[in-house]
Amino acid sequence: MAEMTGREKEAALLRSFTEMDRSIFAAVYGRRRVGKTFLIRSVFEGRFTFQLTGIAQVETKQQLANFHASLVRYFPLFEDRPVANDWFQAFQYLISALESIQEPGKKIVFLDELPWLDTPHSIFISALEHFWNSWASARSDVILIVCGSAASWMINELINNTGGLYNRVTHQIALEPFTLAECEAFFRAKSPGFDRYQLLQLYMVFGGIPFYLEAIDTGKSATQNINDLCFAPQGRLRREFGRLYASLFKKADKHIAVVEALAQKSKGLQRGELLKAARLPDGGSATAILRELEESNFIRKYQAYGKKKQKAIYQLADFYSFFYLRFLKNRNRLDEDFWIKGVDTPEVRAWSGYAFEQVCLSHLRQIKNALGIGSVQTQSSVWSGSDGTESAQIDLVIDRRDQVVNLCEIKFSIRPFTIDKTYAENLRRKIGIFKASTKTSKAAWLTFITTFGLTTNVHAQSLVRQSLTMDALFGDGELFV
């Protein structure tokens, strides 16, 4: 197996299970392609006592047949046993197999893609509950690790279970995409071929998803890689969008409708606006769809500065989904060199600005540390408003407990960004509208986050309190308090 980069804390926690004097029930969950299975296999490679991977979109009968095949692979003496009739019998087979082991040591059981095992009317959860409560938890030598990409299922059916599995999960690991710093370490381990601007471009398309990063050729530029993976006829990620959502959600068309609606409004939509755009009725089913997308990190919900809780904003947070919907969907004749030819077009420049904003929003800890406010309590949001005459919007507002508000302008450019006289007047007007609209008594500090910094001139010196470059996004987020 390939060497693992990053995930040191998560790997250390998994390794510690073998030293504990009690049985462990650990749940690992996160977005599909984020590296959950790879992490677990890297830590316990060759040490599984039993491993089972659920199969997507098959009935209980096929899942039980797959369980039997896995059981025979690890315990050949069970070959003569008939396939279990239900999950209670299947787990009883597993108990018998584990009890037949004579050697001392931990019994490591890994159930991958757990949500797929829970087919309709299968009573899988009840059987799993019985396995843990009646047998495994009473021992000190069982390490049960369950994993799933359907984060909402893992959270609601397992971790927050209100039945027999209530409070039974002893450890949980929510695996997040790589940060830019982790991506830098990932590629440094493979080859020193990318500078930070190249890495930023890749992140704006693929996010920090290890599966996508593995497909990148370090012998080619970021532009070439994006073109080859997404626009070439056999590009590995050209058709990823449909597969991604279909593998996670049973009625993916409704989830996709929400994602498509948000892709049309980069600043986000309130719930009512979103449901109208997605043509979904308001109600419990819509709430469930939004929750599932949010818990799977495809969308985010945030509170706009100065707005009531009921007016929370939903925004598309998945980098690849936004890129796909902007450039790949509904293009009947896709030029296989589209990205190389169009890298400096207005369409790509507009997308770049939004994507860079999203990178910043996913690295708020790093931004706070770079501003020297890692230990200051804050709330981060976007803002749009009016003073009654003119309207304005601010890319990122960091509201601080120390009586300061950072008003962040986020600008993507291929060179240092220049604030000219006209733009300086616009910035002054924007700050004035913010103060008048919000009636804040806090100091408003104009802050710039750019790729290559600001051109030094009288406007930058007189207006900008703090300026960060993309290097700040590659910083350590661990200092955040």
Foldseek 3Di string as FASTA:
>chain_A
DDDDFDPVVVLVVLLCLQVFQFEAFEEEEAAPLQCPVVSVCNNQPPNALFEAEADAPDDLVVRQVRLQVRCCVNPVVCPPPDRDPALLVSLVSVVVSVVVDDDDGAHEYEYEQVVNNPHPPRCNLVSVLCSVPVPRRVHRRYYYYYYHNQLVCCVVCAACNPPSNHVVRPYYHHRDADFLLSLCRVVVVVPNQDDSVQSLLLCLAANRRVSLSVQADSVDTSLVRCLQQQFAPVRVCVPVVVVSQVRRDVCSLLLVLLLLQQLVPQQFAFPVSSCVSSVHDDDDVSVVSVVSCVSNQQKHWADAPPDDPNRIGIHGQGSNSSVCSLQRPPDPDGDSSCSVVCVPPPSNQVSVQSSQLSSCVVQVLLVCVVVVNLPWDWGKHWYWDFLVPDIDIASMWIGTPVQEIEGEDEDEDPEAAEQDPVNLVVVVVRVVGVCNGNVRPGHYAYEYEYAHHHDDDPSCVVHHPYYHHCVSSSDDSVSHD
